[in-house]
Amino acid sequence: SIYDLEDHTPIKLTNRELDCLTLLMRGKSSKEIAAALNLSIRTIESYLNNLKIKMNCHSKSELLKYAYDLGLSTLTDAITSEEFNLGIFLPY
């Protein structure tokens, strides 16, 4: 589960935020994430900004470091909700 590294309180993420984080951890750009999820780049940037706020990060690189510090590298093997709906079950 995802939690604050300092006070260990849970951080609640929406499915779309988790999708964006999963794809970001796979090395995808905002443009590539938008294309994969059939959303606008502006919407993806909004999700990523929400993630940065929730995880107290100031950049995408900090967000990635935070995720790896939490041991979330297994997210790269997980499927996004969009992939599930499309029947795509293999990681990129």
N, C-alpha and C. Protein backbone atom coordinates (compact mmCIF):
# COMPACT_ATOMS: atom_id res chain seq x y z
N SER A 1 0.84 -1.18 0.00
CA SER A 1 0.00 0.00 0.00
C SER A 1 0.87 1.24 0.00
N ILE A 2 0.28 2.36 -0.32
CA ILE A 2 1.03 3.61 -0.42
C ILE A 2 0.81 4.41 0.85
N TYR A 3 1.90 4.87 1.44
CA TYR A 3 1.81 5.60 2.69
C TYR A 3 2.87 6.69 2.74
N ASP A 4 2.67 7.62 3.63
CA ASP A 4 3.60 8.72 3.83
C ASP A 4 4.88 8.17 4.45
N LEU A 5 6.02 8.52 3.89
CA LEU A 5 7.29 7.99 4.39
C LEU A 5 7.64 8.51 5.78
N GLU A 6 7.13 9.68 6.14
CA GLU A 6 7.48 10.26 7.43
C GLU A 6 6.56 9.80 8.55
N ASP A 7 5.25 9.93 8.36
CA ASP A 7 4.34 9.58 9.47
C ASP A 7 3.56 8.29 9.23
N HIS A 8 3.84 7.64 8.10
CA HIS A 8 3.26 6.33 7.78
C HIS A 8 1.74 6.31 7.68
N THR A 9 1.14 7.47 7.42
CA THR A 9 -0.30 7.51 7.20
C THR A 9 -0.58 7.11 5.76
N PRO A 10 -1.70 6.44 5.51
CA PRO A 10 -2.02 6.01 4.14
C PRO A 10 -2.26 7.21 3.22
N ILE A 11 -1.85 7.05 1.98
CA ILE A 11 -2.12 8.04 0.94
C ILE A 11 -3.12 7.41 0.00
N LYS A 12 -4.28 8.03 -0.12
CA LYS A 12 -5.32 7.48 -0.99
C LYS A 12 -5.15 8.02 -2.40
N LEU A 13 -5.02 7.11 -3.36
CA LEU A 13 -4.89 7.47 -4.76
C LEU A 13 -6.11 6.99 -5.53
N THR A 14 -6.51 7.79 -6.51
CA THR A 14 -7.58 7.35 -7.39
C THR A 14 -7.02 6.30 -8.36
N ASN A 15 -7.91 5.58 -9.03
CA ASN A 15 -7.45 4.60 -10.02
C ASN A 15 -6.64 5.28 -11.12
N ARG A 16 -7.08 6.44 -11.57
CA ARG A 16 -6.37 7.15 -12.63
C ARG A 16 -5.00 7.64 -12.16
N GLU A 17 -4.91 8.11 -10.92
CA GLU A 17 -3.60 8.52 -10.39
C GLU A 17 -2.67 7.32 -10.36
N LEU A 18 -3.18 6.18 -9.93
CA LEU A 18 -2.37 4.96 -9.90
C LEU A 18 -1.97 4.54 -11.31
N ASP A 19 -2.90 4.66 -12.26
CA ASP A 19 -2.57 4.36 -13.66
C ASP A 19 -1.43 5.26 -14.14
N CYS A 20 -1.52 6.54 -13.86
CA CYS A 20 -0.49 7.49 -14.29
C CYS A 20 0.85 7.17 -13.64
N LEU A 21 0.83 6.85 -12.36
CA LEU A 21 2.06 6.51 -11.66
C LEU A 21 2.67 5.24 -12.23
N THR A 22 1.83 4.25 -12.52
CA THR A 22 2.31 2.99 -13.11
C THR A 22 3.02 3.25 -14.43
N LEU A 23 2.38 4.03 -15.29
CA LEU A 23 2.97 4.32 -16.60
C LEU A 23 4.19 5.21 -16.49
N LEU A 24 4.18 6.15 -15.55
CA LEU A 24 5.35 7.00 -15.33
C LEU A 24 6.53 6.14 -14.89
N MET A 25 6.28 5.17 -14.03
CA MET A 25 7.35 4.30 -13.57
C MET A 25 7.86 3.38 -14.68
N ARG A 26 7.08 3.20 -15.72
CA ARG A 26 7.52 2.43 -16.89
C ARG A 26 8.33 3.30 -17.84
N GLY A 27 8.51 4.57 -17.47
CA GLY A 27 9.32 5.46 -18.30
C GLY A 27 8.54 6.23 -19.34
N LYS A 28 7.21 6.22 -19.23
CA LYS A 28 6.38 6.91 -20.21
C LYS A 28 6.33 8.41 -19.92
N SER A 29 6.29 9.20 -20.98
CA SER A 29 6.14 10.65 -20.85
C SER A 29 4.66 10.97 -20.66
N SER A 30 4.38 12.21 -20.30
CA SER A 30 2.98 12.64 -20.15
C SER A 30 2.21 12.43 -21.44
N LYS A 31 2.85 12.73 -22.56
CA LYS A 31 2.20 12.55 -23.86
C LYS A 31 1.88 11.07 -24.10
N GLU A 32 2.82 10.19 -23.77
CA GLU A 32 2.61 8.75 -23.96
C GLU A 32 1.54 8.22 -23.01
N ILE A 33 1.53 8.73 -21.78
CA ILE A 33 0.50 8.32 -20.82
C ILE A 33 -0.87 8.74 -21.32
N ALA A 34 -0.95 9.98 -21.82
CA ALA A 34 -2.23 10.49 -22.35
C ALA A 34 -2.73 9.60 -23.49
N ALA A 35 -1.84 9.22 -24.38
CA ALA A 35 -2.23 8.38 -25.51
C ALA A 35 -2.67 6.99 -25.02
N ALA A 36 -1.95 6.44 -24.06
CA ALA A 36 -2.27 5.10 -23.55
C ALA A 36 -3.62 5.07 -22.86
N LEU A 37 -3.97 6.16 -22.18
CA LEU A 37 -5.21 6.20 -21.41
C LEU A 37 -6.34 6.93 -22.14
N ASN A 38 -6.06 7.36 -23.37
CA ASN A 38 -7.05 8.11 -24.16
C ASN A 38 -7.55 9.34 -23.42
N LEU A 39 -6.63 10.09 -22.85
CA LEU A 39 -6.94 11.32 -22.14
C LEU A 39 -6.06 12.44 -22.69
N SER A 40 -6.41 13.67 -22.37
CA SER A 40 -5.59 14.80 -22.83
C SER A 40 -4.33 14.91 -21.97
N ILE A 41 -3.32 15.53 -22.55
CA ILE A 41 -2.07 15.75 -21.81
C ILE A 41 -2.35 16.62 -20.59
N ARG A 42 -3.23 17.61 -20.74
CA ARG A 42 -3.59 18.49 -19.62
C ARG A 42 -4.19 17.67 -18.46
N THR A 43 -5.02 16.70 -18.78
CA THR A 43 -5.62 15.84 -17.75
C THR A 43 -4.55 15.02 -17.06
N ILE A 44 -3.62 14.47 -17.83
CA ILE A 44 -2.53 13.67 -17.26
C ILE A 44 -1.67 14.54 -16.35
N GLU A 45 -1.36 15.75 -16.80
CA GLU A 45 -0.56 16.65 -15.96
C GLU A 45 -1.29 16.98 -14.66
N SER A 46 -2.61 17.08 -14.72
CA SER A 46 -3.41 17.32 -13.52
C SER A 46 -3.29 16.13 -12.56
N TYR A 47 -3.40 14.92 -13.10
CA TYR A 47 -3.24 13.73 -12.25
C TYR A 47 -1.85 13.67 -11.63
N LEU A 48 -0.83 13.97 -12.44
CA LEU A 48 0.53 13.94 -11.93
C LEU A 48 0.76 15.02 -10.88
N ASN A 49 0.16 16.20 -11.07
CA ASN A 49 0.26 17.24 -10.06
C ASN A 49 -0.43 16.83 -8.76
N ASN A 50 -1.58 16.17 -8.88
CA ASN A 50 -2.26 15.67 -7.68
C ASN A 50 -1.39 14.66 -6.96
N LEU A 51 -0.72 13.79 -7.71
CA LEU A 51 0.19 12.82 -7.10
C LEU A 51 1.33 13.52 -6.36
N LYS A 52 1.89 14.54 -7.01
CA LYS A 52 3.00 15.27 -6.37
C LYS A 52 2.54 15.91 -5.07
N ILE A 53 1.34 16.47 -5.07
CA ILE A 53 0.81 17.08 -3.84
C ILE A 53 0.60 16.03 -2.77
N LYS A 54 -0.06 14.93 -3.13
CA LYS A 54 -0.35 13.88 -2.15
C LYS A 54 0.92 13.25 -1.59
N MET A 55 1.96 13.16 -2.41
CA MET A 55 3.20 12.51 -1.99
C MET A 55 4.27 13.53 -1.58
N ASN A 56 3.86 14.80 -1.53
CA ASN A 56 4.76 15.88 -1.11
C ASN A 56 6.05 15.90 -1.95
N CYS A 57 5.88 15.84 -3.26
CA CYS A 57 7.01 15.88 -4.19
C CYS A 57 6.89 17.13 -5.05
N HIS A 58 8.03 17.59 -5.55
CA HIS A 58 8.04 18.82 -6.35
C HIS A 58 8.30 18.58 -7.83
N SER A 59 8.65 17.35 -8.20
CA SER A 59 8.95 17.05 -9.59
C SER A 59 8.61 15.59 -9.89
N LYS A 60 8.60 15.27 -11.17
CA LYS A 60 8.35 13.88 -11.55
C LYS A 60 9.47 12.98 -11.04
N SER A 61 10.70 13.48 -11.07
CA SER A 61 11.81 12.65 -10.59
C SER A 61 11.69 12.37 -9.09
N GLU A 62 11.24 13.36 -8.31
CA GLU A 62 11.00 13.14 -6.88
C GLU A 62 9.87 12.14 -6.68
N LEU A 63 8.85 12.24 -7.50
CA LEU A 63 7.72 11.32 -7.44
C LEU A 63 8.18 9.89 -7.69
N LEU A 64 9.03 9.71 -8.70
CA LEU A 64 9.57 8.38 -9.00
C LEU A 64 10.44 7.86 -7.86
N LYS A 65 11.28 8.73 -7.31
CA LYS A 65 12.13 8.31 -6.19
C LYS A 65 11.27 7.89 -5.00
N TYR A 66 10.25 8.67 -4.71
CA TYR A 66 9.33 8.36 -3.60
C TYR A 66 8.70 6.99 -3.82
N ALA A 67 8.22 6.76 -5.04
CA ALA A 67 7.57 5.48 -5.35
C ALA A 67 8.55 4.32 -5.20
N TYR A 68 9.77 4.49 -5.67
CA TYR A 68 10.76 3.43 -5.53
C TYR A 68 11.15 3.24 -4.06
N ASP A 69 11.24 4.33 -3.30
CA ASP A 69 11.55 4.22 -1.86
C ASP A 69 10.48 3.43 -1.12
N LEU A 70 9.24 3.52 -1.61
CA LEU A 70 8.14 2.76 -1.00
C LEU A 70 8.12 1.31 -1.47
N GLY A 71 8.99 0.99 -2.43
CA GLY A 71 9.01 -0.37 -2.95
C GLY A 71 7.94 -0.61 -3.99
N LEU A 72 7.51 0.44 -4.67
CA LEU A 72 6.43 0.31 -5.64
C LEU A 72 6.92 -0.06 -7.04
N SER A 73 8.15 -0.50 -7.15
CA SER A 73 8.65 -0.86 -8.47
C SER A 73 7.83 -1.99 -9.08
N THR A 74 7.12 -2.74 -8.26
CA THR A 74 6.26 -3.80 -8.78
C THR A 74 5.09 -3.21 -9.57
N LEU A 75 4.84 -1.92 -9.43
CA LEU A 75 3.79 -1.28 -10.23
C LEU A 75 4.08 -1.40 -11.71
N THR A 76 5.35 -1.46 -12.06
CA THR A 76 5.69 -1.54 -13.48
C THR A 76 5.24 -2.87 -14.07
N ASP A 77 5.01 -3.87 -13.22
CA ASP A 77 4.51 -5.16 -13.69
C ASP A 77 2.99 -5.23 -13.60
N ALA A 78 2.40 -4.27 -12.91
CA ALA A 78 0.95 -4.26 -12.76
C ALA A 78 0.31 -3.74 -14.03
N ILE A 79 -0.95 -4.03 -14.19
CA ILE A 79 -1.67 -3.49 -15.33
C ILE A 79 -2.50 -2.30 -14.89
N THR A 80 -2.71 -1.38 -15.79
CA THR A 80 -3.56 -0.23 -15.49
C THR A 80 -5.01 -0.65 -15.65
N SER A 81 -5.92 0.13 -15.10
CA SER A 81 -7.33 -0.19 -15.25
C SER A 81 -7.74 -0.14 -16.72
N GLU A 82 -7.13 0.74 -17.49
CA GLU A 82 -7.42 0.84 -18.93
C GLU A 82 -6.98 -0.42 -19.66
N GLU A 83 -5.80 -0.93 -19.32
CA GLU A 83 -5.31 -2.17 -19.94
C GLU A 83 -6.24 -3.33 -19.60
N PHE A 84 -6.69 -3.37 -18.37
CA PHE A 84 -7.61 -4.42 -17.95
C PHE A 84 -8.89 -4.37 -18.79
N ASN A 85 -9.43 -3.16 -18.95
CA ASN A 85 -10.66 -2.99 -19.72
C ASN A 85 -10.47 -3.35 -21.19
N LEU A 86 -9.27 -3.15 -21.69
CA LEU A 86 -8.97 -3.45 -23.09
C LEU A 86 -8.52 -4.90 -23.29
N GLY A 87 -8.35 -5.63 -22.18
CA GLY A 87 -7.89 -7.01 -22.27
C GLY A 87 -6.40 -7.14 -22.51
N ILE A 88 -5.65 -6.09 -22.18
CA ILE A 88 -4.19 -6.11 -22.35
C ILE A 88 -3.59 -6.45 -20.98
N PHE A 89 -2.93 -7.59 -20.89
CA PHE A 89 -2.45 -8.02 -19.57
C PHE A 89 -0.94 -8.14 -19.48
N LEU A 90 -0.22 -7.78 -20.50
CA LEU A 90 1.24 -7.87 -20.45
C LEU A 90 1.83 -6.49 -20.20
N PRO A 91 2.85 -6.40 -19.35
CA PRO A 91 3.49 -5.10 -19.12
C PRO A 91 4.19 -4.62 -20.39
N TYR A 92 4.38 -3.32 -20.48
CA TYR A 92 5.06 -2.73 -21.64
C TYR A 92 6.49 -3.20 -21.70
